[in-house]
């Protein structure tokens, strides 16, 4: 979408005290980054927080290198939205998260 990197970094839930029922997938918290190192640093802290509470956490787009970071920083809101929706659907189709229980937030969620 608009030259944006299509990578998603997924962190599964990591706490035995917070588990979904057998046969169900966890809810998803999807962080939309801004392509900066600071945004990714914040996302790592968010990933720890949410996965320790039984949520799946994803960082998107996961930009690697200066060219991809620049593409994210200059992307349109429409292209970012399309990319994030596609990434969330992909995780749900793989059964990693519940497609009905998702939240998108972050610096790139404009």
N, C-alpha and C. Protein backbone atom coordinates (compact mmCIF):
# COMPACT_ATOMS: atom_id res chain seq x y z
N UNK A 1 0.83 -1.19 0.00
CA UNK A 1 0.00 0.00 0.00
C UNK A 1 0.87 1.24 0.00
N UNK A 2 0.88 1.94 -1.08
CA UNK A 2 1.61 3.19 -1.15
C UNK A 2 3.09 3.07 -0.85
N UNK A 3 3.70 1.93 -1.10
CA UNK A 3 5.11 1.74 -0.84
C UNK A 3 5.45 1.45 0.61
N UNK A 4 4.45 1.22 1.46
CA UNK A 4 4.71 0.92 2.86
C UNK A 4 5.16 -0.52 3.04
N UNK A 5 6.06 -0.77 3.99
CA UNK A 5 6.48 -2.14 4.25
C UNK A 5 5.31 -2.93 4.84
N UNK A 6 5.14 -4.16 4.40
CA UNK A 6 4.02 -4.98 4.84
C UNK A 6 4.34 -5.90 5.99
N UNK A 7 5.38 -5.60 6.73
CA UNK A 7 5.76 -6.47 7.85
C UNK A 7 4.92 -6.17 9.09
N UNK A 8 4.68 -7.24 9.83
CA UNK A 8 4.04 -7.09 11.14
C UNK A 8 4.86 -7.92 12.12
N UNK A 9 5.14 -7.35 13.27
CA UNK A 9 5.84 -8.07 14.33
C UNK A 9 4.79 -8.44 15.36
N UNK A 10 4.64 -9.75 15.60
CA UNK A 10 3.59 -10.23 16.50
C UNK A 10 4.21 -10.82 17.76
N UNK A 11 3.64 -10.42 18.89
CA UNK A 11 4.04 -10.94 20.20
C UNK A 11 2.83 -11.66 20.80
N UNK A 12 2.89 -12.98 20.98
CA UNK A 12 1.75 -13.70 21.58
C UNK A 12 1.66 -13.42 23.07
N UNK A 13 0.50 -13.70 23.67
CA UNK A 13 0.35 -13.52 25.12
C UNK A 13 1.38 -14.36 25.87
N UNK A 14 1.86 -13.83 27.01
CA UNK A 14 2.89 -14.52 27.79
C UNK A 14 2.59 -14.50 29.28
N UNK A 15 1.45 -15.03 29.68
CA UNK A 15 1.14 -15.07 31.10
C UNK A 15 0.13 -16.19 31.33
N UNK A 16 0.53 -17.18 32.10
CA UNK A 16 -0.35 -18.32 32.37
C UNK A 16 -1.58 -17.95 33.19
N UNK A 17 -1.54 -16.81 33.88
CA UNK A 17 -2.67 -16.38 34.70
C UNK A 17 -3.76 -15.70 33.87
N UNK A 18 -3.45 -15.29 32.67
CA UNK A 18 -4.41 -14.64 31.79
C UNK A 18 -4.49 -15.44 30.49
N UNK A 19 -5.46 -16.33 30.39
CA UNK A 19 -5.59 -17.18 29.21
C UNK A 19 -7.02 -17.14 28.69
N UNK A 20 -7.15 -17.29 27.39
CA UNK A 20 -8.48 -17.38 26.79
C UNK A 20 -8.98 -18.81 26.91
N UNK A 21 -10.27 -19.00 26.71
CA UNK A 21 -10.85 -20.34 26.79
C UNK A 21 -10.30 -21.22 25.68
N UNK A 22 -10.28 -22.51 25.94
CA UNK A 22 -9.78 -23.48 24.99
C UNK A 22 -10.50 -23.32 23.65
N UNK A 23 -9.77 -23.26 22.57
CA UNK A 23 -10.35 -23.11 21.25
C UNK A 23 -10.55 -21.67 20.81
N UNK A 24 -10.31 -20.72 21.71
CA UNK A 24 -10.44 -19.31 21.36
C UNK A 24 -9.07 -18.69 21.15
N UNK A 25 -9.06 -17.58 20.43
CA UNK A 25 -7.82 -16.84 20.20
C UNK A 25 -7.85 -15.57 21.06
N UNK A 26 -6.68 -15.05 21.41
CA UNK A 26 -6.64 -13.86 22.25
C UNK A 26 -7.04 -12.60 21.49
N UNK A 27 -7.48 -11.57 22.22
CA UNK A 27 -7.73 -10.28 21.57
C UNK A 27 -6.40 -9.68 21.11
N UNK A 28 -6.48 -8.74 20.18
CA UNK A 28 -5.28 -8.12 19.60
C UNK A 28 -5.21 -6.64 19.94
N UNK A 29 -4.03 -6.22 20.34
CA UNK A 29 -3.68 -4.80 20.44
C UNK A 29 -2.68 -4.57 19.32
N UNK A 30 -3.03 -3.71 18.37
CA UNK A 30 -2.15 -3.45 17.23
C UNK A 30 -1.64 -2.02 17.32
N UNK A 31 -0.34 -1.88 17.49
CA UNK A 31 0.33 -0.58 17.60
C UNK A 31 0.77 -0.14 16.22
N UNK A 32 0.33 1.02 15.79
CA UNK A 32 0.79 1.55 14.51
C UNK A 32 1.92 2.52 14.78
N UNK A 33 3.07 2.21 14.25
CA UNK A 33 4.26 3.02 14.48
C UNK A 33 4.37 4.17 13.50
N UNK A 34 5.33 5.03 13.78
CA UNK A 34 5.57 6.18 12.92
C UNK A 34 6.87 6.04 12.14
N UNK A 35 7.51 4.88 12.25
CA UNK A 35 8.75 4.66 11.52
C UNK A 35 9.99 5.18 12.21
N UNK A 36 9.86 5.61 13.47
CA UNK A 36 11.03 6.11 14.19
C UNK A 36 11.46 5.10 15.24
N UNK A 37 12.71 5.22 15.63
CA UNK A 37 13.23 4.33 16.67
C UNK A 37 12.51 4.59 17.99
N UNK A 38 12.16 5.85 18.27
CA UNK A 38 11.46 6.17 19.51
C UNK A 38 10.09 5.48 19.55
N UNK A 39 9.37 5.49 18.42
CA UNK A 39 8.08 4.82 18.35
C UNK A 39 8.20 3.33 18.60
N UNK A 40 9.26 2.72 18.07
CA UNK A 40 9.47 1.29 18.28
C UNK A 40 9.86 0.99 19.72
N UNK A 41 10.58 1.91 20.36
CA UNK A 41 10.93 1.73 21.77
C UNK A 41 9.68 1.74 22.63
N UNK A 42 8.78 2.68 22.37
CA UNK A 42 7.51 2.73 23.10
C UNK A 42 6.73 1.45 22.86
N UNK A 43 6.72 0.97 21.62
CA UNK A 43 5.98 -0.25 21.29
C UNK A 43 6.50 -1.45 22.06
N UNK A 44 7.80 -1.54 22.29
CA UNK A 44 8.35 -2.67 23.06
C UNK A 44 7.79 -2.67 24.49
N UNK A 45 7.69 -1.50 25.08
CA UNK A 45 7.12 -1.42 26.43
C UNK A 45 5.64 -1.78 26.41
N UNK A 46 4.94 -1.30 25.40
CA UNK A 46 3.52 -1.64 25.26
C UNK A 46 3.36 -3.15 25.06
N UNK A 47 4.23 -3.77 24.26
CA UNK A 47 4.15 -5.22 24.02
C UNK A 47 4.29 -5.99 25.33
N UNK A 48 5.25 -5.60 26.15
CA UNK A 48 5.43 -6.27 27.43
C UNK A 48 4.17 -6.14 28.28
N UNK A 49 3.64 -4.94 28.36
CA UNK A 49 2.45 -4.70 29.19
C UNK A 49 1.27 -5.55 28.72
N UNK A 50 0.93 -5.48 27.44
CA UNK A 50 -0.28 -6.14 26.95
C UNK A 50 -0.15 -7.66 26.90
N UNK A 51 1.01 -8.17 26.49
CA UNK A 51 1.15 -9.63 26.44
C UNK A 51 1.16 -10.24 27.82
N UNK A 52 1.60 -9.49 28.83
CA UNK A 52 1.58 -10.01 30.19
C UNK A 52 0.16 -10.05 30.75
N UNK A 53 -0.79 -9.47 30.03
CA UNK A 53 -2.19 -9.47 30.46
C UNK A 53 -3.09 -10.31 29.55
N UNK A 54 -2.47 -11.15 28.72
CA UNK A 54 -3.23 -12.10 27.93
C UNK A 54 -3.63 -11.64 26.54
N UNK A 55 -3.14 -10.49 26.11
CA UNK A 55 -3.45 -9.99 24.78
C UNK A 55 -2.33 -10.35 23.80
N UNK A 56 -2.70 -10.56 22.54
CA UNK A 56 -1.70 -10.59 21.49
C UNK A 56 -1.36 -9.14 21.18
N UNK A 57 -0.12 -8.88 20.80
CA UNK A 57 0.30 -7.52 20.49
C UNK A 57 1.05 -7.55 19.16
N UNK A 58 0.75 -6.58 18.30
CA UNK A 58 1.44 -6.51 17.02
C UNK A 58 1.92 -5.09 16.77
N UNK A 59 3.07 -4.98 16.15
CA UNK A 59 3.64 -3.70 15.73
C UNK A 59 3.58 -3.65 14.21
N UNK A 60 2.98 -2.58 13.70
CA UNK A 60 2.84 -2.47 12.26
C UNK A 60 2.77 -1.00 11.86
N UNK A 61 3.34 -0.59 10.75
CA UNK A 61 4.26 -1.40 9.95
C UNK A 61 5.62 -1.49 10.63
N UNK A 62 6.24 -2.62 10.50
CA UNK A 62 7.57 -2.82 11.06
C UNK A 62 8.59 -2.42 10.00
N UNK A 63 9.05 -1.20 10.09
CA UNK A 63 9.97 -0.66 9.09
C UNK A 63 11.40 -1.05 9.43
N UNK A 64 12.13 -1.48 8.41
CA UNK A 64 13.53 -1.85 8.57
C UNK A 64 14.35 -0.97 7.63
N UNK A 65 15.26 -0.22 8.17
CA UNK A 65 16.13 0.60 7.36
C UNK A 65 15.55 1.98 7.08
N UNK A 66 16.44 2.86 6.65
CA UNK A 66 16.08 4.27 6.43
C UNK A 66 15.02 4.44 5.35
N UNK A 67 15.09 3.67 4.28
CA UNK A 67 14.13 3.82 3.18
C UNK A 67 12.71 3.46 3.64
N UNK A 68 12.57 2.36 4.36
CA UNK A 68 11.25 1.95 4.85
C UNK A 68 10.73 2.92 5.91
N UNK A 69 11.61 3.39 6.79
CA UNK A 69 11.19 4.36 7.81
C UNK A 69 10.68 5.64 7.17
N UNK A 70 11.35 6.09 6.11
CA UNK A 70 10.91 7.30 5.40
C UNK A 70 9.56 7.08 4.74
N UNK A 71 9.34 5.89 4.19
CA UNK A 71 8.05 5.58 3.55
C UNK A 71 6.92 5.62 4.57
N UNK A 72 7.16 5.11 5.76
CA UNK A 72 6.14 5.13 6.81
C UNK A 72 5.86 6.58 7.23
N UNK A 73 6.92 7.34 7.44
CA UNK A 73 6.77 8.72 7.92
C UNK A 73 6.00 9.59 6.93
N UNK A 74 6.12 9.31 5.64
CA UNK A 74 5.48 10.15 4.64
C UNK A 74 4.19 9.53 4.07
N UNK A 75 3.72 8.45 4.66
CA UNK A 75 2.54 7.76 4.14
C UNK A 75 1.26 8.54 4.39
N UNK A 76 0.28 8.28 3.55
CA UNK A 76 -1.03 8.89 3.75
C UNK A 76 -1.80 8.10 4.80
N UNK A 77 -2.75 8.75 5.43
CA UNK A 77 -3.58 8.07 6.42
C UNK A 77 -4.36 6.92 5.79
N UNK A 78 -4.81 7.11 4.54
CA UNK A 78 -5.58 6.07 3.86
C UNK A 78 -4.72 4.83 3.61
N UNK A 79 -3.48 5.03 3.15
CA UNK A 79 -2.59 3.90 2.91
C UNK A 79 -2.25 3.19 4.21
N UNK A 80 -2.01 3.95 5.27
CA UNK A 80 -1.70 3.35 6.57
C UNK A 80 -2.89 2.52 7.06
N UNK A 81 -4.09 3.04 6.92
CA UNK A 81 -5.29 2.32 7.36
C UNK A 81 -5.45 1.01 6.59
N UNK A 82 -5.26 1.03 5.29
CA UNK A 82 -5.38 -0.19 4.48
C UNK A 82 -4.36 -1.23 4.91
N UNK A 83 -3.14 -0.79 5.16
CA UNK A 83 -2.08 -1.70 5.55
C UNK A 83 -2.37 -2.33 6.92
N UNK A 84 -2.80 -1.52 7.86
CA UNK A 84 -3.09 -2.01 9.21
C UNK A 84 -4.26 -2.99 9.19
N UNK A 85 -5.29 -2.68 8.43
CA UNK A 85 -6.44 -3.59 8.32
C UNK A 85 -6.01 -4.92 7.73
N UNK A 86 -5.19 -4.89 6.69
CA UNK A 86 -4.70 -6.13 6.07
C UNK A 86 -3.86 -6.93 7.06
N UNK A 87 -3.02 -6.26 7.84
CA UNK A 87 -2.20 -6.97 8.82
C UNK A 87 -3.03 -7.61 9.92
N UNK A 88 -4.03 -6.90 10.41
CA UNK A 88 -4.91 -7.44 11.45
C UNK A 88 -5.69 -8.64 10.92
N UNK A 89 -6.21 -8.53 9.71
CA UNK A 89 -6.94 -9.66 9.11
C UNK A 89 -6.04 -10.87 8.93
N UNK A 90 -4.80 -10.64 8.53
CA UNK A 90 -3.86 -11.74 8.34
C UNK A 90 -3.64 -12.50 9.66
N UNK A 91 -3.44 -11.76 10.75
CA UNK A 91 -3.24 -12.42 12.04
C UNK A 91 -4.47 -13.22 12.47
N UNK A 92 -5.66 -12.68 12.19
CA UNK A 92 -6.90 -13.39 12.53
C UNK A 92 -7.07 -14.64 11.66
N UNK A 93 -6.78 -14.52 10.38
CA UNK A 93 -6.90 -15.68 9.47
C UNK A 93 -5.95 -16.80 9.86
N UNK A 94 -4.80 -16.46 10.43
CA UNK A 94 -3.84 -17.47 10.88
C UNK A 94 -4.26 -18.08 12.23
N UNK A 95 -5.31 -17.52 12.86
CA UNK A 95 -5.78 -18.03 14.13
C UNK A 95 -4.96 -17.55 15.31
N UNK A 96 -4.11 -16.55 15.10
CA UNK A 96 -3.27 -16.04 16.18
C UNK A 96 -4.02 -15.10 17.11
N UNK A 97 -5.08 -14.45 16.59
CA UNK A 97 -5.87 -13.50 17.38
C UNK A 97 -7.34 -13.64 17.02
N UNK A 98 -8.19 -13.08 17.87
CA UNK A 98 -9.63 -13.06 17.63
C UNK A 98 -9.96 -11.89 16.71
N UNK A 99 -10.47 -12.18 15.54
CA UNK A 99 -10.79 -11.15 14.56
C UNK A 99 -11.91 -10.21 14.98
N UNK A 100 -12.64 -10.55 16.03
CA UNK A 100 -13.74 -9.71 16.53
C UNK A 100 -13.31 -8.84 17.71
N UNK A 101 -12.11 -9.05 18.21
CA UNK A 101 -11.64 -8.31 19.39
C UNK A 101 -10.27 -7.70 19.09
N UNK A 102 -10.29 -6.51 18.49
CA UNK A 102 -9.06 -5.84 18.10
C UNK A 102 -9.11 -4.37 18.45
N UNK A 103 -7.96 -3.83 18.82
CA UNK A 103 -7.82 -2.41 19.09
C UNK A 103 -6.57 -1.92 18.37
N UNK A 104 -6.70 -0.83 17.65
CA UNK A 104 -5.58 -0.22 16.95
C UNK A 104 -5.28 1.11 17.64
N UNK A 105 -4.02 1.32 17.99
CA UNK A 105 -3.62 2.61 18.55
C UNK A 105 -2.14 2.82 18.30
N UNK A 106 -1.67 3.99 18.62
CA UNK A 106 -0.26 4.30 18.47
C UNK A 106 -0.05 5.61 17.75
N UNK A 107 1.18 5.94 17.53
CA UNK A 107 1.53 7.22 16.94
C UNK A 107 1.16 7.31 15.46
N UNK A 108 1.05 6.17 14.80
CA UNK A 108 0.71 6.19 13.38
C UNK A 108 -0.77 6.00 13.10
N UNK A 109 -1.61 5.99 14.14
CA UNK A 109 -3.03 5.71 13.93
C UNK A 109 -3.83 6.95 13.53
N UNK A 110 -3.16 8.04 13.39
CA UNK A 110 -3.68 9.32 12.87
C UNK A 110 -5.17 9.43 13.00
